[in-house]
Amino acid sequence: VIIFIELGKWQLSRADEKNARHELLELYAKQPAVTLPNTLVRLEDFQYREVEVQGEFISEHTIYLDNKTHQGRAGYHVITPLKVLNSELLVVINRGWIATGNDRSVLPYVSEIDGVVKISGLVVAPELRTLNLSEMVTAGKVWDNFNLQRYQEVTGKVIQPLMVLQRNHMEDSLIRDWDRPGSGADKNLGYAVQWFLLAATAIIIFIVLNVKRKNSKSE
């Protein structure tokens, strides 16, 4: 019973965290975009904010994140680093979605954008999980997951600890139809209810079994 109750309380705390995150996202959505500086920042100071950053794309380090869908179609997210203007820092830009072709051994063509550009978009956390990527995946253009540390090793550059989901339009045929996330707290609340119901069920079973034991002894 104690274990079930603690698990239920943990799910409630997770729901509170997600609600707080969603409220923060809604608050930032109403504020004007801020300029991402050309010095290292903390993710916590910019997460869920609309930002603007100027620089030049380094197309040679473009990668394709696999297994991304849009309206039921399979495709990739195209990731290209941006060298920040007047800095040696890079910023990871998720430029948008593109469909796979009939032959998955041939990557879809994405236009290269030359010169200094201004990118506006939403700051999110990059995937920071430690992945045992094979040499083929690391050396190639298609990655199953994004790993900031590994990407930093591949580029040989210092990268801001965040990812920008590009919103502004460019002539590159990429779709930037980012889903506006809900809080996701409902799922955790459902799990919490299940754990509390299991706790209540365990108590009822305990009472019923003890009543039966006492009745059998009295007979």
Protein backbone atom coordinates (compact mmCIF):
# COMPACT_ATOMS: atom_id res chain seq x y z
CA VAL A 1 0.00 0.00 0.00
CA ILE A 2 2.81 2.38 0.91
CA ILE A 3 4.56 1.66 -2.39
CA PHE A 4 1.36 2.24 -4.39
CA ILE A 5 0.68 5.53 -2.58
CA GLU A 6 4.24 6.77 -3.10
CA LEU A 7 4.03 5.93 -6.81
CA GLY A 8 0.76 7.85 -7.02
CA LYS A 9 2.31 10.87 -5.29
CA TRP A 10 5.26 10.71 -7.69
CA GLN A 11 2.91 10.80 -10.68
CA LEU A 12 1.13 13.80 -9.16
CA SER A 13 4.46 15.61 -8.81
CA ARG A 14 5.25 14.83 -12.44
CA ALA A 15 1.87 16.29 -13.44
CA ASP A 16 2.64 19.46 -11.46
CA GLU A 17 6.00 19.78 -13.22
CA LYS A 18 4.39 19.46 -16.65
CA ASN A 19 1.67 21.97 -15.80
CA ALA A 20 4.30 24.45 -14.62
CA ARG A 21 6.29 23.94 -17.82
CA HIS A 22 3.18 24.45 -19.95
CA GLU A 23 2.27 27.65 -18.10
CA LEU A 24 5.80 28.92 -18.70
CA LEU A 25 5.53 28.12 -22.41
CA GLU A 26 2.20 29.96 -22.63
CA LEU A 27 3.70 32.98 -20.86
CA TYR A 28 6.75 33.16 -23.14
CA ALA A 29 4.54 32.77 -26.23
CA LYS A 30 3.01 36.18 -25.45
CA GLN A 31 6.40 37.88 -25.15
CA PRO A 32 8.53 39.29 -28.00
CA ALA A 33 11.48 37.28 -29.27
CA VAL A 34 14.81 37.78 -27.51
CA THR A 35 18.21 37.82 -29.17
CA LEU A 36 20.37 34.80 -28.49
CA PRO A 37 23.79 36.15 -27.44
CA ASN A 38 27.09 35.17 -29.04
CA THR A 39 28.37 33.79 -25.75
CA LEU A 40 27.54 30.50 -24.03
CA VAL A 41 24.17 30.51 -22.28
CA ARG A 42 22.27 28.20 -19.96
CA LEU A 43 19.38 26.20 -21.39
CA GLU A 44 17.25 27.11 -18.36
CA ASP A 45 17.46 30.81 -19.23
CA PHE A 46 16.10 30.38 -22.76
CA GLN A 47 14.05 27.17 -22.84
CA TYR A 48 10.59 27.66 -24.44
CA ARG A 49 11.44 31.23 -25.41
CA GLU A 50 11.12 32.69 -28.88
CA VAL A 51 14.60 33.77 -29.95
CA GLU A 52 16.39 35.37 -32.87
CA VAL A 53 19.95 34.60 -33.89
CA GLN A 54 22.10 35.69 -36.82
CA GLY A 55 24.85 33.70 -38.45
CA GLU A 56 25.80 31.43 -41.31
CA PHE A 57 24.72 27.84 -41.85
CA ILE A 58 27.47 25.23 -41.99
CA SER A 59 25.84 22.90 -44.49
CA GLU A 60 28.62 20.31 -44.39
CA HIS A 61 27.47 19.30 -40.91
CA THR A 62 23.79 18.91 -41.83
CA ILE A 63 22.26 15.69 -40.51
CA TYR A 64 18.87 14.04 -40.99
CA LEU A 65 16.92 12.80 -37.96
CA ASP A 66 15.10 9.66 -39.05
CA ASN A 67 11.56 8.44 -38.26
CA LYS A 68 9.88 11.85 -38.21
CA THR A 69 6.34 11.99 -39.56
CA HIS A 70 4.12 14.78 -40.86
CA GLN A 71 0.44 14.16 -41.57
CA GLY A 72 1.09 10.44 -41.66
CA ARG A 73 4.02 10.65 -44.08
CA ALA A 74 7.51 9.39 -43.21
CA GLY A 75 10.40 11.80 -43.35
CA TYR A 76 13.31 13.48 -41.64
CA HIS A 77 14.01 16.53 -39.53
CA VAL A 78 16.87 18.47 -41.08
CA ILE A 79 19.44 19.68 -38.55
CA THR A 80 22.05 22.25 -39.58
CA PRO A 81 24.38 24.16 -37.25
CA LEU A 82 24.49 27.94 -37.48
CA LYS A 83 27.79 29.73 -36.80
CA VAL A 84 26.75 32.67 -34.67
CA LEU A 85 27.67 36.07 -36.08
CA ASN A 86 30.82 37.52 -34.45
CA SER A 87 31.44 34.28 -32.53
CA GLU A 88 32.97 30.83 -32.92
CA LEU A 89 29.92 29.27 -31.25
CA LEU A 90 27.45 27.10 -33.13
CA VAL A 91 23.70 26.85 -32.54
CA VAL A 92 21.80 23.73 -33.58
CA ILE A 93 18.88 24.67 -35.85
CA ASN A 94 16.08 22.21 -36.56
CA ARG A 95 15.19 23.63 -39.95
CA GLY A 96 12.06 21.55 -40.50
CA TRP A 97 10.63 18.37 -42.01
CA ILE A 98 11.14 16.81 -45.42
CA ALA A 99 9.63 13.62 -46.84
CA THR A 100 11.68 10.54 -47.63
CA GLY A 101 11.91 9.55 -51.26
CA ASN A 102 10.98 6.21 -52.79
CA ASP A 103 14.59 5.09 -52.37
CA ARG A 104 15.68 5.54 -48.75
CA SER A 105 19.32 5.05 -49.74
CA VAL A 106 19.11 8.46 -51.44
CA LEU A 107 18.59 11.43 -49.13
CA PRO A 108 16.13 14.11 -50.23
CA TYR A 109 17.71 17.29 -51.54
CA VAL A 110 17.70 20.30 -49.22
CA SER A 111 18.71 23.71 -50.53
CA GLU A 112 21.82 25.20 -48.99
CA ILE A 113 21.37 28.71 -47.62
CA ASP A 114 24.48 30.85 -48.09
CA GLY A 115 25.47 34.06 -46.38
CA VAL A 116 24.35 35.64 -43.14
CA VAL A 117 20.76 34.81 -42.18
CA LYS A 118 18.47 35.64 -39.29
CA ILE A 119 16.73 32.66 -37.71
CA SER A 120 13.75 32.98 -35.41
CA GLY A 121 12.27 30.08 -33.53
CA LEU A 122 11.48 28.29 -30.30
CA VAL A 123 14.23 27.08 -27.96
CA VAL A 124 13.89 23.49 -26.81
CA ALA A 125 16.18 21.05 -25.04
CA PRO A 126 18.33 18.90 -27.34
CA GLU A 127 18.44 15.16 -26.78
CA LEU A 128 21.16 14.56 -24.23
CA ARG A 129 20.84 10.79 -23.85
CA THR A 130 24.07 8.85 -24.21
CA LEU A 131 23.69 6.79 -27.35
CA ASN A 132 25.95 4.02 -28.57
CA LEU A 133 25.79 5.20 -32.14
CA SER A 134 27.51 2.99 -34.68
CA GLU A 135 30.36 4.36 -36.75
CA MET A 136 28.09 4.28 -39.80
CA VAL A 137 25.49 6.49 -38.14
CA THR A 138 28.07 8.87 -36.68
CA ALA A 139 29.99 9.21 -39.93
CA GLY A 140 26.87 9.42 -42.09
CA LYS A 141 24.09 11.94 -42.44
CA VAL A 142 21.20 9.94 -40.97
CA TRP A 143 20.92 9.71 -37.18
CA ASP A 144 18.23 7.87 -35.24
CA ASN A 145 18.47 10.33 -32.34
CA PHE A 146 20.20 13.62 -31.71
CA ASN A 147 22.99 13.63 -29.15
CA LEU A 148 24.52 17.02 -28.45
CA GLN A 149 27.77 15.71 -27.04
CA ARG A 150 28.37 13.40 -30.00
CA TYR A 151 27.41 16.15 -32.45
CA GLN A 152 29.87 18.49 -30.79
CA GLU A 153 32.59 15.87 -31.24
CA VAL A 154 31.69 15.46 -34.91
CA THR A 155 31.77 19.19 -35.65
CA GLY A 156 34.77 19.92 -33.45
CA LYS A 157 33.07 23.12 -32.32
CA VAL A 158 31.56 24.47 -29.11
CA ILE A 159 27.77 24.40 -29.37
CA GLN A 160 25.12 26.22 -27.40
CA PRO A 161 23.33 23.73 -25.07
CA LEU A 162 19.99 24.06 -26.83
CA MET A 163 18.13 23.54 -30.09
CA VAL A 164 16.10 26.11 -32.02
CA LEU A 165 12.97 25.01 -33.89
CA GLN A 166 13.05 27.39 -36.85
CA ARG A 167 9.79 29.23 -37.53
CA ASN A 168 10.65 31.87 -40.13
CA HIS A 169 10.17 31.03 -43.80
CA MET A 170 13.04 30.30 -46.18
CA GLU A 171 13.13 29.05 -49.75
CA ASP A 172 14.28 25.54 -48.85
CA SER A 173 11.10 23.42 -49.32
CA LEU A 174 11.12 22.39 -45.64
CA ILE A 175 7.91 22.22 -43.62
CA ARG A 176 8.05 24.00 -40.27
CA ASP A 177 4.67 22.99 -38.89
CA TRP A 178 5.69 22.46 -35.29
CA ASP A 179 3.07 20.97 -32.99
CA ARG A 180 2.15 23.16 -30.07
CA PRO A 181 2.62 20.78 -27.15
CA GLY A 182 0.02 20.35 -24.47
CA SER A 183 1.06 19.95 -20.87
CA GLY A 184 0.78 16.14 -20.98
CA ALA A 185 -0.25 16.18 -17.32
CA ASP A 186 -3.47 14.24 -17.95
CA LYS A 187 -1.54 11.04 -18.54
CA ASN A 188 0.30 11.38 -15.23
CA LEU A 189 -2.95 12.11 -13.40
CA GLY A 190 -4.41 8.94 -14.90
CA TYR A 191 -1.44 6.91 -13.71
CA ALA A 192 -1.76 8.45 -10.23
CA VAL A 193 -5.42 7.43 -10.04
CA GLN A 194 -4.47 3.88 -11.02
CA TRP A 195 -1.83 3.64 -8.27
CA PHE A 196 -4.22 5.03 -5.64
CA LEU A 197 -6.91 2.56 -6.76
CA LEU A 198 -4.39 -0.28 -6.39
CA ALA A 199 -3.62 0.94 -2.87
CA ALA A 200 -7.32 1.00 -2.02
CA THR A 201 -7.76 -2.48 -3.55
CA ALA A 202 -4.88 -3.85 -1.47
CA ILE A 203 -6.46 -2.46 1.70
CA ILE A 204 -9.84 -3.99 0.85
CA ILE A 205 -8.28 -7.38 0.09
CA PHE A 206 -6.36 -7.24 3.37
CA ILE A 207 -9.54 -6.48 5.35
CA VAL A 208 -11.58 -9.17 3.57
CA LEU A 209 -8.93 -11.85 4.12
CA ASN A 210 -8.58 -10.98 7.82
CA VAL A 211 -12.36 -11.05 8.34
CA LYS A 212 -12.51 -14.47 6.74
CA ARG A 213 -9.61 -15.69 8.88
CA LYS A 214 -11.30 -14.51 12.07
CA ASN A 215 -14.62 -16.11 11.06
CA SER A 216 -12.90 -19.42 10.32
CA LYS A 217 -11.18 -19.36 13.71
CA SER A 218 -14.42 -18.59 15.55
CA GLU A 219 -16.09 -21.58 13.91
